[in-house]
């Protein structure tokens, strides 16, 4: 049973920073692409950033220049460094991971709240 465990969410003031982590464990297959999505109340879940095993990255336009995704392949862990946070970044953040067969696993989500 694959588990994705997220951590690092919380309450931060506008302009502040947070670092999210997500560790994948229990997979018998190799972990390929990993990513972060977010869902605000009343909105659909959408891509924040994703990263391949080789380190290629994609970002949503709204976070370019503020967020950085990275990963440690040896630990099957993906990180999201979030700087200059804005109230509109408030959401539940989910990580996901694709195995070598293309199946995607999701974490349970971590709340990020940006408010003064």
C-alpha atoms as a PDB file:
ATOM      1  CA  UNK A   1       0.000   0.000   0.000  1.00  0.00           C
ATOM      2  CA  UNK A   2       1.519   3.271  -1.146  1.00  0.00           C
ATOM      3  CA  UNK A   3       1.366   6.143   1.314  1.00  0.00           C
ATOM      4  CA  UNK A   4       2.062   9.802   0.650  1.00  0.00           C
ATOM      5  CA  UNK A   5       2.562  11.767   3.838  1.00  0.00           C
ATOM      6  CA  UNK A   6       2.516  15.557   3.569  1.00  0.00           C
ATOM      7  CA  UNK A   7       3.772  18.031   6.130  1.00  0.00           C
ATOM      8  CA  UNK A   8       4.631  21.694   6.474  1.00  0.00           C
ATOM      9  CA  UNK A   9       1.300  23.419   6.082  1.00  0.00           C
ATOM     10  CA  UNK A  10       0.021  26.066   8.442  1.00  0.00           C
ATOM     11  CA  UNK A  11      -0.929  29.692   8.921  1.00  0.00           C
ATOM     12  CA  UNK A  12       1.349  32.391   7.545  1.00  0.00           C
ATOM     13  CA  UNK A  13       1.058  36.125   6.974  1.00  0.00           C
ATOM     14  CA  UNK A  14       1.049  37.581   3.455  1.00  0.00           C
ATOM     15  CA  UNK A  15       4.586  37.813   2.157  1.00  0.00           C
ATOM     16  CA  UNK A  16       5.709  34.910   4.304  1.00  0.00           C
ATOM     17  CA  UNK A  17       7.116  31.519   3.366  1.00  0.00           C
ATOM     18  CA  UNK A  18       6.327  27.866   3.945  1.00  0.00           C
ATOM     19  CA  UNK A  19       7.967  24.647   2.841  1.00  0.00           C
ATOM     20  CA  UNK A  20       5.824  21.595   2.171  1.00  0.00           C
ATOM     21  CA  UNK A  21       7.200  18.068   2.127  1.00  0.00           C
ATOM     22  CA  UNK A  22       5.686  14.836   0.830  1.00  0.00           C
ATOM     23  CA  UNK A  23       7.267  11.437   1.327  1.00  0.00           C
ATOM     24  CA  UNK A  24       6.125   8.384  -0.652  1.00  0.00           C
ATOM     25  CA  UNK A  25       6.536   4.947   0.868  1.00  0.00           C
ATOM     26  CA  UNK A  26       5.397   1.394   0.320  1.00  0.00           C
ATOM     27  CA  UNK A  27       5.608   1.308  -3.459  1.00  0.00           C
ATOM     28  CA  UNK A  28       6.954  -1.853  -5.074  1.00  0.00           C
ATOM     29  CA  UNK A  29       7.284   0.041  -8.337  1.00  0.00           C
ATOM     30  CA  UNK A  30       9.513   3.005  -8.983  1.00  0.00           C
ATOM     31  CA  UNK A  31       8.108   6.470  -8.403  1.00  0.00           C
ATOM     32  CA  UNK A  32       8.174   8.671 -11.484  1.00  0.00           C
ATOM     33  CA  UNK A  33       6.694  12.161 -11.707  1.00  0.00           C
ATOM     34  CA  UNK A  34       5.608  13.856  -8.494  1.00  0.00           C
ATOM     35  CA  UNK A  35       3.646  17.016  -8.035  1.00  0.00           C
ATOM     36  CA  UNK A  36       1.619  19.405  -5.930  1.00  0.00           C
ATOM     37  CA  UNK A  37      -1.994  20.401  -6.501  1.00  0.00           C
ATOM     38  CA  UNK A  38      -4.244  22.661  -4.480  1.00  0.00           C
ATOM     39  CA  UNK A  39      -7.952  23.117  -3.898  1.00  0.00           C
ATOM     40  CA  UNK A  40      -9.522  26.227  -2.459  1.00  0.00           C
ATOM     41  CA  UNK A  41     -13.087  26.213  -1.096  1.00  0.00           C
ATOM     42  CA  UNK A  42     -15.582  26.140  -3.942  1.00  0.00           C
ATOM     43  CA  UNK A  43     -12.928  25.607  -6.577  1.00  0.00           C
ATOM     44  CA  UNK A  44     -11.591  22.622  -8.471  1.00  0.00           C
ATOM     45  CA  UNK A  45      -8.280  21.041  -7.644  1.00  0.00           C
ATOM     46  CA  UNK A  46      -5.567  22.426  -9.881  1.00  0.00           C
ATOM     47  CA  UNK A  47      -1.901  21.951 -10.628  1.00  0.00           C
ATOM     48  CA  UNK A  48       0.621  23.970  -8.671  1.00  0.00           C
ATOM     49  CA  UNK A  49       3.853  22.351  -9.823  1.00  0.00           C
ATOM     50  CA  UNK A  50       5.222  19.001 -10.907  1.00  0.00           C
ATOM     51  CA  UNK A  51       8.648  17.508 -11.354  1.00  0.00           C
ATOM     52  CA  UNK A  52       9.982  14.519 -13.268  1.00  0.00           C
ATOM     53  CA  UNK A  53      12.616  12.111 -12.051  1.00  0.00           C
ATOM     54  CA  UNK A  54      15.168  13.988 -14.153  1.00  0.00           C
ATOM     55  CA  UNK A  55      14.225  17.296 -12.544  1.00  0.00           C
ATOM     56  CA  UNK A  56      12.151  18.867 -15.308  1.00  0.00           C
ATOM     57  CA  UNK A  57       9.531  21.147 -13.798  1.00  0.00           C
ATOM     58  CA  UNK A  58       6.206  22.767 -14.673  1.00  0.00           C
ATOM     59  CA  UNK A  59       4.465  25.499 -12.727  1.00  0.00           C
ATOM     60  CA  UNK A  60       1.079  27.125 -12.743  1.00  0.00           C
ATOM     61  CA  UNK A  61       1.382  30.697 -14.002  1.00  0.00           C
ATOM     62  CA  UNK A  62       0.065  32.037 -10.698  1.00  0.00           C
ATOM     63  CA  UNK A  63       3.039  30.673  -8.733  1.00  0.00           C
ATOM     64  CA  UNK A  64       5.915  31.140 -11.175  1.00  0.00           C
ATOM     65  CA  UNK A  65       8.761  33.042  -9.570  1.00  0.00           C
ATOM     66  CA  UNK A  66       7.404  32.454  -6.055  1.00  0.00           C
ATOM     67  CA  UNK A  67       7.241  28.671  -5.636  1.00  0.00           C
ATOM     68  CA  UNK A  68       9.984  26.119  -6.241  1.00  0.00           C
ATOM     69  CA  UNK A  69       9.458  22.373  -6.496  1.00  0.00           C
ATOM     70  CA  UNK A  70      12.292  19.946  -5.853  1.00  0.00           C
ATOM     71  CA  UNK A  71      12.739  16.289  -5.022  1.00  0.00           C
ATOM     72  CA  UNK A  72      15.038  13.770  -3.435  1.00  0.00           C
ATOM     73  CA  UNK A  73      14.773  10.632  -5.563  1.00  0.00           C
ATOM     74  CA  UNK A  74      16.596   8.483  -3.042  1.00  0.00           C
ATOM     75  CA  UNK A  75      13.957   9.347  -0.446  1.00  0.00           C
ATOM     76  CA  UNK A  76      10.967   9.485  -2.852  1.00  0.00           C
ATOM     77  CA  UNK A  77      10.262  12.885  -1.369  1.00  0.00           C
ATOM     78  CA  UNK A  78       9.026  16.024  -3.082  1.00  0.00           C
ATOM     79  CA  UNK A  79       9.227  19.531  -1.653  1.00  0.00           C
ATOM     80  CA  UNK A  80       7.458  22.785  -2.391  1.00  0.00           C
ATOM     81  CA  UNK A  81       9.145  25.978  -1.242  1.00  0.00           C
ATOM     82  CA  UNK A  82       6.551  28.752  -1.214  1.00  0.00           C
ATOM     83  CA  UNK A  83       7.745  32.350  -0.924  1.00  0.00           C
ATOM     84  CA  UNK A  84       5.921  35.663  -1.018  1.00  0.00           C
ATOM     85  CA  UNK A  85       2.673  33.950  -0.167  1.00  0.00           C
ATOM     86  CA  UNK A  86      -0.587  35.687  -0.981  1.00  0.00           C
ATOM     87  CA  UNK A  87      -4.098  35.267   0.459  1.00  0.00           C
ATOM     88  CA  UNK A  88      -5.158  33.662  -2.828  1.00  0.00           C
ATOM     89  CA  UNK A  89      -2.664  30.846  -2.160  1.00  0.00           C
ATOM     90  CA  UNK A  90      -4.913  29.687   0.680  1.00  0.00           C
ATOM     91  CA  UNK A  91      -5.994  26.120  -0.080  1.00  0.00           C
ATOM     92  CA  UNK A  92      -5.553  22.492   0.794  1.00  0.00           C
ATOM     93  CA  UNK A  93      -2.364  21.323  -0.887  1.00  0.00           C
ATOM     94  CA  UNK A  94      -2.130  17.733  -2.113  1.00  0.00           C
ATOM     95  CA  UNK A  95       0.891  15.895  -3.395  1.00  0.00           C
ATOM     96  CA  UNK A  96       0.727  13.106  -5.927  1.00  0.00           C
ATOM     97  CA  UNK A  97       3.085  10.540  -7.337  1.00  0.00           C
ATOM     98  CA  UNK A  98       2.963   8.366 -10.448  1.00  0.00           C
ATOM     99  CA  UNK A  99       4.382   4.876 -10.398  1.00  0.00           C
ATOM    100  CA  UNK A 100       6.079   3.232 -13.384  1.00  0.00           C
ATOM    101  CA  UNK A 101       2.738   1.859 -14.631  1.00  0.00           C
ATOM    102  CA  UNK A 102       1.221   5.328 -14.706  1.00  0.00           C
ATOM    103  CA  UNK A 103      -0.994   4.902 -11.680  1.00  0.00           C
ATOM    104  CA  UNK A 104      -1.276   8.009  -9.523  1.00  0.00           C
ATOM    105  CA  UNK A 105      -1.327   8.080  -5.752  1.00  0.00           C
ATOM    106  CA  UNK A 106      -2.526  11.045  -3.683  1.00  0.00           C
ATOM    107  CA  UNK A 107      -1.700  12.344  -0.258  1.00  0.00           C
ATOM    108  CA  UNK A 108      -4.302  13.331   2.325  1.00  0.00           C
ATOM    109  CA  UNK A 109      -3.701  17.061   1.915  1.00  0.00           C
ATOM    110  CA  UNK A 110      -2.291  19.788   4.119  1.00  0.00           C
ATOM    111  CA  UNK A 111      -3.932  23.138   4.810  1.00  0.00           C
ATOM    112  CA  UNK A 112      -2.130  26.347   3.901  1.00  0.00           C
ATOM    113  CA  UNK A 113      -3.738  29.558   5.112  1.00  0.00           C
ATOM    114  CA  UNK A 114      -2.342  32.974   4.207  1.00  0.00           C
ATOM    115  CA  UNK A 115      -3.899  35.670   6.335  1.00  0.00           C
ATOM    116  CA  UNK A 116      -2.979  38.657   8.438  1.00  0.00           C
END
